N, C-alpha and C. Protein backbone atom coordinates (compact mmCIF):
# COMPACT_ATOMS: atom_id res chain seq x y z
N MET A 1 0.81 -1.19 0.00
CA MET A 1 0.00 0.00 0.00
C MET A 1 0.85 1.26 0.00
N THR A 2 1.96 1.23 0.71
CA THR A 2 2.83 2.41 0.74
C THR A 2 3.46 2.65 -0.62
N ASN A 3 3.70 1.59 -1.36
CA ASN A 3 4.24 1.73 -2.70
C ASN A 3 3.25 2.48 -3.58
N PHE A 4 2.00 2.17 -3.46
CA PHE A 4 0.96 2.85 -4.23
C PHE A 4 0.86 4.31 -3.82
N GLN A 5 1.03 4.62 -2.55
CA GLN A 5 0.96 5.98 -2.04
C GLN A 5 2.13 6.81 -2.58
N THR A 6 3.33 6.26 -2.64
CA THR A 6 4.49 7.01 -3.15
C THR A 6 4.35 7.28 -4.63
N LYS A 7 3.79 6.32 -5.37
CA LYS A 7 3.56 6.54 -6.79
C LYS A 7 2.55 7.65 -7.00
N LYS A 8 1.56 7.70 -6.16
CA LYS A 8 0.53 8.72 -6.26
C LYS A 8 1.13 10.10 -5.94
N ASN A 9 2.03 10.16 -4.99
CA ASN A 9 2.68 11.42 -4.66
C ASN A 9 3.53 11.92 -5.83
N TRP A 10 4.29 11.04 -6.45
CA TRP A 10 5.10 11.44 -7.60
C TRP A 10 4.21 11.90 -8.76
N ARG A 11 3.13 11.20 -8.97
CA ARG A 11 2.21 11.58 -10.04
C ARG A 11 1.62 12.96 -9.78
N ARG A 12 1.30 13.23 -8.54
CA ARG A 12 0.77 14.53 -8.18
C ARG A 12 1.81 15.63 -8.42
N ILE A 13 3.07 15.34 -8.12
CA ILE A 13 4.14 16.32 -8.33
C ILE A 13 4.34 16.57 -9.82
N PHE A 14 4.39 15.51 -10.62
CA PHE A 14 4.60 15.67 -12.06
C PHE A 14 3.44 16.35 -12.77
N GLN A 15 2.26 16.23 -12.25
CA GLN A 15 1.09 16.83 -12.87
C GLN A 15 0.73 18.18 -12.28
N SER A 16 1.54 18.70 -11.40
CA SER A 16 1.25 20.00 -10.81
C SER A 16 1.58 21.11 -11.82
N LYS A 17 0.91 22.25 -11.69
CA LYS A 17 1.10 23.36 -12.63
C LYS A 17 2.52 23.93 -12.56
N PRO A 18 3.11 24.15 -11.38
CA PRO A 18 4.49 24.68 -11.37
C PRO A 18 5.49 23.76 -12.07
N PHE A 19 5.34 22.46 -11.90
CA PHE A 19 6.25 21.54 -12.56
C PHE A 19 6.05 21.57 -14.07
N LEU A 20 4.79 21.63 -14.53
CA LEU A 20 4.52 21.68 -15.97
C LEU A 20 5.05 22.98 -16.59
N VAL A 21 4.93 24.10 -15.85
CA VAL A 21 5.48 25.37 -16.35
C VAL A 21 7.00 25.27 -16.45
N PHE A 22 7.63 24.70 -15.42
CA PHE A 22 9.08 24.52 -15.45
C PHE A 22 9.50 23.62 -16.60
N LEU A 23 8.78 22.53 -16.79
CA LEU A 23 9.09 21.60 -17.88
C LEU A 23 8.90 22.28 -19.25
N SER A 24 7.87 23.09 -19.39
CA SER A 24 7.64 23.82 -20.64
C SER A 24 8.78 24.79 -20.90
N ALA A 25 9.25 25.48 -19.86
CA ALA A 25 10.36 26.41 -20.01
C ALA A 25 11.62 25.68 -20.46
N VAL A 26 11.87 24.53 -19.87
CA VAL A 26 13.05 23.74 -20.26
C VAL A 26 12.94 23.31 -21.71
N VAL A 27 11.77 22.89 -22.14
CA VAL A 27 11.56 22.46 -23.53
C VAL A 27 11.76 23.64 -24.48
N LEU A 28 11.25 24.83 -24.13
CA LEU A 28 11.42 26.01 -24.97
C LEU A 28 12.89 26.42 -25.07
N ILE A 29 13.61 26.36 -23.96
CA ILE A 29 15.04 26.70 -23.99
C ILE A 29 15.79 25.71 -24.87
N PHE A 30 15.46 24.45 -24.76
CA PHE A 30 16.08 23.43 -25.59
C PHE A 30 15.78 23.68 -27.07
N ALA A 31 14.52 23.99 -27.39
CA ALA A 31 14.14 24.25 -28.78
C ALA A 31 14.88 25.47 -29.32
N TRP A 32 15.01 26.51 -28.50
CA TRP A 32 15.73 27.72 -28.92
C TRP A 32 17.20 27.40 -29.20
N SER A 33 17.80 26.58 -28.37
CA SER A 33 19.20 26.18 -28.57
C SER A 33 19.36 25.39 -29.87
N VAL A 34 18.43 24.49 -30.13
CA VAL A 34 18.49 23.69 -31.36
C VAL A 34 18.33 24.60 -32.58
N TYR A 35 17.45 25.58 -32.51
CA TYR A 35 17.25 26.52 -33.62
C TYR A 35 18.52 27.33 -33.87
N GLY A 36 19.16 27.82 -32.80
CA GLY A 36 20.41 28.56 -32.95
C GLY A 36 21.51 27.70 -33.55
N PHE A 37 21.60 26.46 -33.11
CA PHE A 37 22.59 25.54 -33.65
C PHE A 37 22.33 25.27 -35.13
N TRP A 38 21.07 25.14 -35.50
CA TRP A 38 20.71 24.90 -36.90
C TRP A 38 21.12 26.09 -37.77
N ASN A 39 20.89 27.32 -37.29
CA ASN A 39 21.29 28.51 -38.04
C ASN A 39 22.81 28.57 -38.21
N LYS A 40 23.54 28.21 -37.16
CA LYS A 40 25.00 28.21 -37.25
C LYS A 40 25.47 27.16 -38.25
N MET A 41 24.80 26.03 -38.30
CA MET A 41 25.17 24.99 -39.26
C MET A 41 24.96 25.47 -40.70
N GLN A 42 23.86 26.19 -40.95
CA GLN A 42 23.61 26.72 -42.29
C GLN A 42 24.68 27.74 -42.67
N GLU A 43 25.03 28.62 -41.75
CA GLU A 43 26.05 29.62 -42.02
C GLU A 43 27.40 28.96 -42.28
N THR A 44 27.70 27.92 -41.52
CA THR A 44 28.94 27.19 -41.71
C THR A 44 28.98 26.51 -43.08
N SER A 45 27.87 25.97 -43.51
CA SER A 45 27.84 25.32 -44.84
C SER A 45 28.02 26.36 -45.95
N LYS A 46 27.46 27.55 -45.77
CA LYS A 46 27.66 28.62 -46.77
C LYS A 46 29.13 29.03 -46.80
N ASN A 47 29.73 29.20 -45.63
CA ASN A 47 31.14 29.57 -45.57
C ASN A 47 32.02 28.48 -46.17
N MET A 48 31.64 27.24 -45.96
CA MET A 48 32.40 26.12 -46.52
C MET A 48 32.36 26.14 -48.04
N LYS A 49 31.20 26.46 -48.61
CA LYS A 49 31.06 26.55 -50.07
C LYS A 49 31.94 27.67 -50.61
N ILE A 50 31.96 28.81 -49.91
CA ILE A 50 32.79 29.93 -50.35
C ILE A 50 34.26 29.54 -50.32
N ILE A 51 34.68 28.88 -49.26
CA ILE A 51 36.07 28.46 -49.14
C ILE A 51 36.43 27.44 -50.21
N GLU A 52 35.53 26.51 -50.49
CA GLU A 52 35.80 25.52 -51.54
C GLU A 52 35.97 26.20 -52.90
N ASP A 53 35.14 27.21 -53.17
CA ASP A 53 35.28 27.96 -54.43
C ASP A 53 36.62 28.68 -54.50
N LYS A 54 37.04 29.27 -53.37
CA LYS A 54 38.33 29.96 -53.34
C LYS A 54 39.47 28.98 -53.54
N VAL A 55 39.38 27.80 -52.94
CA VAL A 55 40.43 26.79 -53.10
C VAL A 55 40.51 26.36 -54.56
N ALA A 56 39.36 26.15 -55.19
CA ALA A 56 39.36 25.75 -56.60
C ALA A 56 39.97 26.86 -57.47
N GLU A 57 39.64 28.11 -57.15
CA GLU A 57 40.19 29.24 -57.90
C GLU A 57 41.71 29.32 -57.71
N LEU A 58 42.17 29.11 -56.49
CA LEU A 58 43.61 29.17 -56.22
C LEU A 58 44.35 28.01 -56.89
N LYS A 59 43.72 26.84 -56.94
CA LYS A 59 44.35 25.71 -57.64
C LYS A 59 44.51 26.01 -59.12
N LEU A 60 43.48 26.62 -59.72
CA LEU A 60 43.54 26.99 -61.13
C LEU A 60 44.64 28.03 -61.35
N LYS A 61 44.72 29.00 -60.43
CA LYS A 61 45.75 30.03 -60.54
C LYS A 61 47.14 29.41 -60.42
N LYS A 62 47.28 28.44 -59.52
CA LYS A 62 48.56 27.76 -59.34
C LYS A 62 48.96 27.02 -60.61
N GLU A 63 47.99 26.34 -61.24
CA GLU A 63 48.27 25.63 -62.48
C GLU A 63 48.71 26.60 -63.58
N ASN A 64 48.03 27.76 -63.66
CA ASN A 64 48.40 28.75 -64.67
C ASN A 64 49.81 29.28 -64.42
N LEU A 65 50.12 29.57 -63.15
CA LEU A 65 51.45 30.06 -62.82
C LEU A 65 52.52 29.01 -63.09
N SER A 66 52.21 27.76 -62.80
CA SER A 66 53.17 26.67 -63.09
C SER A 66 53.40 26.55 -64.60
N ALA A 67 52.34 26.70 -65.37
CA ALA A 67 52.48 26.65 -66.83
C ALA A 67 53.32 27.83 -67.32
N ASN A 68 53.11 29.01 -66.74
CA ASN A 68 53.90 30.18 -67.12
C ASN A 68 55.37 29.99 -66.75
N ILE A 69 55.63 29.42 -65.59
CA ILE A 69 57.02 29.16 -65.17
C ILE A 69 57.67 28.17 -66.12
N ASN A 70 56.96 27.12 -66.48
CA ASN A 70 57.50 26.14 -67.41
C ASN A 70 57.75 26.77 -68.78
N ASN A 71 56.87 27.70 -69.17
CA ASN A 71 57.02 28.40 -70.44
C ASN A 71 58.25 29.31 -70.40
N LEU A 72 58.51 29.93 -69.25
CA LEU A 72 59.67 30.81 -69.13
C LEU A 72 60.98 30.04 -69.11
N ASN A 73 60.94 28.77 -68.82
CA ASN A 73 62.15 27.95 -68.81
C ASN A 73 62.60 27.58 -70.22
N THR A 74 61.75 27.81 -71.22
CA THR A 74 62.11 27.52 -72.61
C THR A 74 62.62 28.80 -73.27
N GLU A 75 63.37 28.63 -74.34
CA GLU A 75 63.91 29.78 -75.07
C GLU A 75 62.80 30.58 -75.75
N GLU A 76 61.80 29.88 -76.29
CA GLU A 76 60.70 30.58 -76.96
C GLU A 76 59.90 31.43 -75.97
N GLY A 77 59.71 30.90 -74.78
CA GLY A 77 58.97 31.64 -73.76
C GLY A 77 59.72 32.89 -73.32
N LYS A 78 61.03 32.76 -73.12
CA LYS A 78 61.84 33.92 -72.75
C LYS A 78 61.80 34.97 -73.85
N GLU A 79 61.93 34.51 -75.09
CA GLU A 79 61.92 35.45 -76.22
C GLU A 79 60.60 36.19 -76.31
N LYS A 80 59.51 35.47 -76.10
CA LYS A 80 58.19 36.10 -76.18
C LYS A 80 58.03 37.17 -75.09
N ILE A 81 58.45 36.87 -73.87
CA ILE A 81 58.34 37.84 -72.78
C ILE A 81 59.20 39.06 -73.06
N PHE A 82 60.45 38.85 -73.52
CA PHE A 82 61.32 39.99 -73.81
C PHE A 82 60.75 40.86 -74.92
N ARG A 83 60.18 40.23 -75.94
CA ARG A 83 59.60 41.01 -77.05
C ARG A 83 58.40 41.82 -76.58
N GLU A 84 57.51 41.20 -75.78
CA GLU A 84 56.29 41.88 -75.35
C GLU A 84 56.57 42.98 -74.32
N ASN A 85 57.38 42.68 -73.34
CA ASN A 85 57.56 43.61 -72.23
C ASN A 85 58.64 44.66 -72.48
N PHE A 86 59.70 44.30 -73.19
CA PHE A 86 60.83 45.21 -73.33
C PHE A 86 61.04 45.73 -74.74
N GLY A 87 60.27 45.26 -75.71
CA GLY A 87 60.38 45.76 -77.08
C GLY A 87 61.66 45.36 -77.77
N LEU A 88 62.25 44.27 -77.40
CA LEU A 88 63.48 43.80 -78.03
C LEU A 88 63.16 43.11 -79.36
N VAL A 89 64.15 43.16 -80.27
CA VAL A 89 63.99 42.52 -81.58
C VAL A 89 65.20 41.66 -81.87
N LYS A 90 65.05 40.76 -82.81
CA LYS A 90 66.17 39.93 -83.26
C LYS A 90 67.03 40.73 -84.23
N GLU A 91 68.20 40.22 -84.47
CA GLU A 91 69.07 40.87 -85.45
C GLU A 91 68.42 40.77 -86.82
N GLY A 92 68.44 41.86 -87.55
CA GLY A 92 67.87 41.89 -88.89
C GLY A 92 66.41 42.30 -88.91
N GLU A 93 65.76 42.40 -87.76
CA GLU A 93 64.38 42.84 -87.70
C GLU A 93 64.33 44.34 -87.43
N GLY A 94 63.27 44.96 -87.85
CA GLY A 94 63.09 46.39 -87.58
C GLY A 94 61.95 46.60 -86.60
N VAL A 95 61.98 47.75 -85.94
CA VAL A 95 60.95 48.08 -84.97
C VAL A 95 60.16 49.26 -85.48
N ILE A 96 58.87 49.16 -85.40
CA ILE A 96 58.00 50.27 -85.78
C ILE A 96 57.41 50.83 -84.50
N ILE A 97 57.62 52.12 -84.29
CA ILE A 97 57.08 52.78 -83.10
C ILE A 97 56.00 53.73 -83.56
N VAL A 98 54.81 53.57 -83.01
CA VAL A 98 53.68 54.41 -83.33
C VAL A 98 53.61 55.51 -82.29
N VAL A 99 53.66 56.77 -82.76
CA VAL A 99 53.61 57.91 -81.86
C VAL A 99 52.29 58.62 -82.07
N GLU A 100 51.61 58.91 -80.98
CA GLU A 100 50.35 59.63 -81.08
C GLU A 100 50.62 61.12 -81.19
N ASP A 101 49.80 61.80 -81.98
CA ASP A 101 49.93 63.24 -82.17
C ASP A 101 49.43 63.96 -80.93
N LYS A 102 50.31 64.75 -80.29
CA LYS A 102 49.93 65.46 -79.07
C LYS A 102 49.12 66.71 -79.38
N ASN A 103 49.26 67.27 -80.56
CA ASN A 103 48.54 68.49 -80.95
C ASN A 103 47.31 68.14 -81.77
N LYS A 104 46.60 67.19 -81.33
CA LYS A 104 45.43 66.72 -82.04
C LYS A 104 44.32 67.76 -81.95
N ILE A 105 43.73 68.10 -83.07
CA ILE A 105 42.65 69.07 -83.10
C ILE A 105 41.33 68.32 -83.00
N GLU A 106 40.56 68.72 -81.99
CA GLU A 106 39.26 68.07 -81.80
C GLU A 106 38.21 68.80 -82.63
N PRO A 107 37.34 68.05 -83.27
CA PRO A 107 36.27 68.70 -84.03
C PRO A 107 35.30 69.38 -83.07
N PRO A 108 34.71 70.47 -83.49
CA PRO A 108 33.76 71.17 -82.60
C PRO A 108 32.55 70.28 -82.34
N LYS A 109 32.07 70.38 -81.11
CA LYS A 109 30.92 69.57 -80.73
C LYS A 109 29.64 70.23 -81.23
N ALA A 110 28.81 69.41 -81.81
CA ALA A 110 27.53 69.91 -82.30
C ALA A 110 26.56 69.97 -81.14
N GLU A 111 25.92 71.11 -81.00
CA GLU A 111 24.96 71.27 -79.91
C GLU A 111 23.56 70.98 -80.43
N ASN A 112 22.92 70.05 -79.81
CA ASN A 112 21.56 69.69 -80.16
C ASN A 112 20.62 70.05 -79.03
N SER A 113 20.86 71.22 -78.47
CA SER A 113 20.03 71.60 -77.33
C SER A 113 18.75 72.27 -77.81
N SER A 114 17.76 72.18 -76.98
CA SER A 114 16.48 72.78 -77.33
C SER A 114 16.47 74.25 -76.94
N LYS A 115 15.41 74.91 -77.29
CA LYS A 115 15.29 76.34 -76.99
C LYS A 115 15.21 76.60 -75.49
N ILE A 116 14.61 75.69 -74.76
CA ILE A 116 14.46 75.87 -73.31
C ILE A 116 15.81 75.81 -72.63
N THR A 117 16.65 74.83 -72.98
CA THR A 117 17.96 74.73 -72.35
C THR A 117 18.84 75.90 -72.75
N THR A 118 18.74 76.36 -74.02
CA THR A 118 19.49 77.53 -74.46
C THR A 118 19.06 78.75 -73.66
N PHE A 119 17.79 78.89 -73.41
CA PHE A 119 17.27 80.05 -72.64
C PHE A 119 17.87 80.04 -71.24
N PHE A 120 17.86 78.88 -70.57
CA PHE A 120 18.38 78.82 -69.22
C PHE A 120 19.90 79.03 -69.18
N LYS A 121 20.62 78.54 -70.18
CA LYS A 121 22.06 78.76 -70.24
C LYS A 121 22.37 80.24 -70.38
N ASN A 122 21.63 80.91 -71.27
CA ASN A 122 21.85 82.34 -71.49
C ASN A 122 21.36 83.16 -70.31
N LEU A 123 20.42 82.69 -69.58
CA LEU A 123 19.88 83.42 -68.44
C LEU A 123 20.91 83.55 -67.33
N PHE A 124 21.73 82.54 -67.12
CA PHE A 124 22.69 82.55 -66.03
C PHE A 124 24.11 82.97 -66.45
N LYS A 125 24.26 83.48 -67.67
CA LYS A 125 25.59 83.94 -68.12
C LYS A 125 25.91 85.29 -67.56
């Protein structure tokens, strides 16, 4: 009989309003923590995707640089770089230098303004 009485006491405690309010608060705090953790996981997956893209880009850049280094180790590659960057030529070749005219005359600009804009321009002169 005492066993039945102790079970009844525990049941009364678990079904009391203060205990149910406390239990509800604990469940809400747990749910809020899970929601925050879920948001952090999504942000981490986005950051991971960004980092993977950067790694792929850097690998491609490394391959290009390695190809350029290998190209510079050959005579043709060195010759190409010297010709492009320093304007060097082989013996027997000529160099053509294009010079822009510094005293270039600009044609007069045609004004297609309306009468209203002309009026306001002349008004403030």
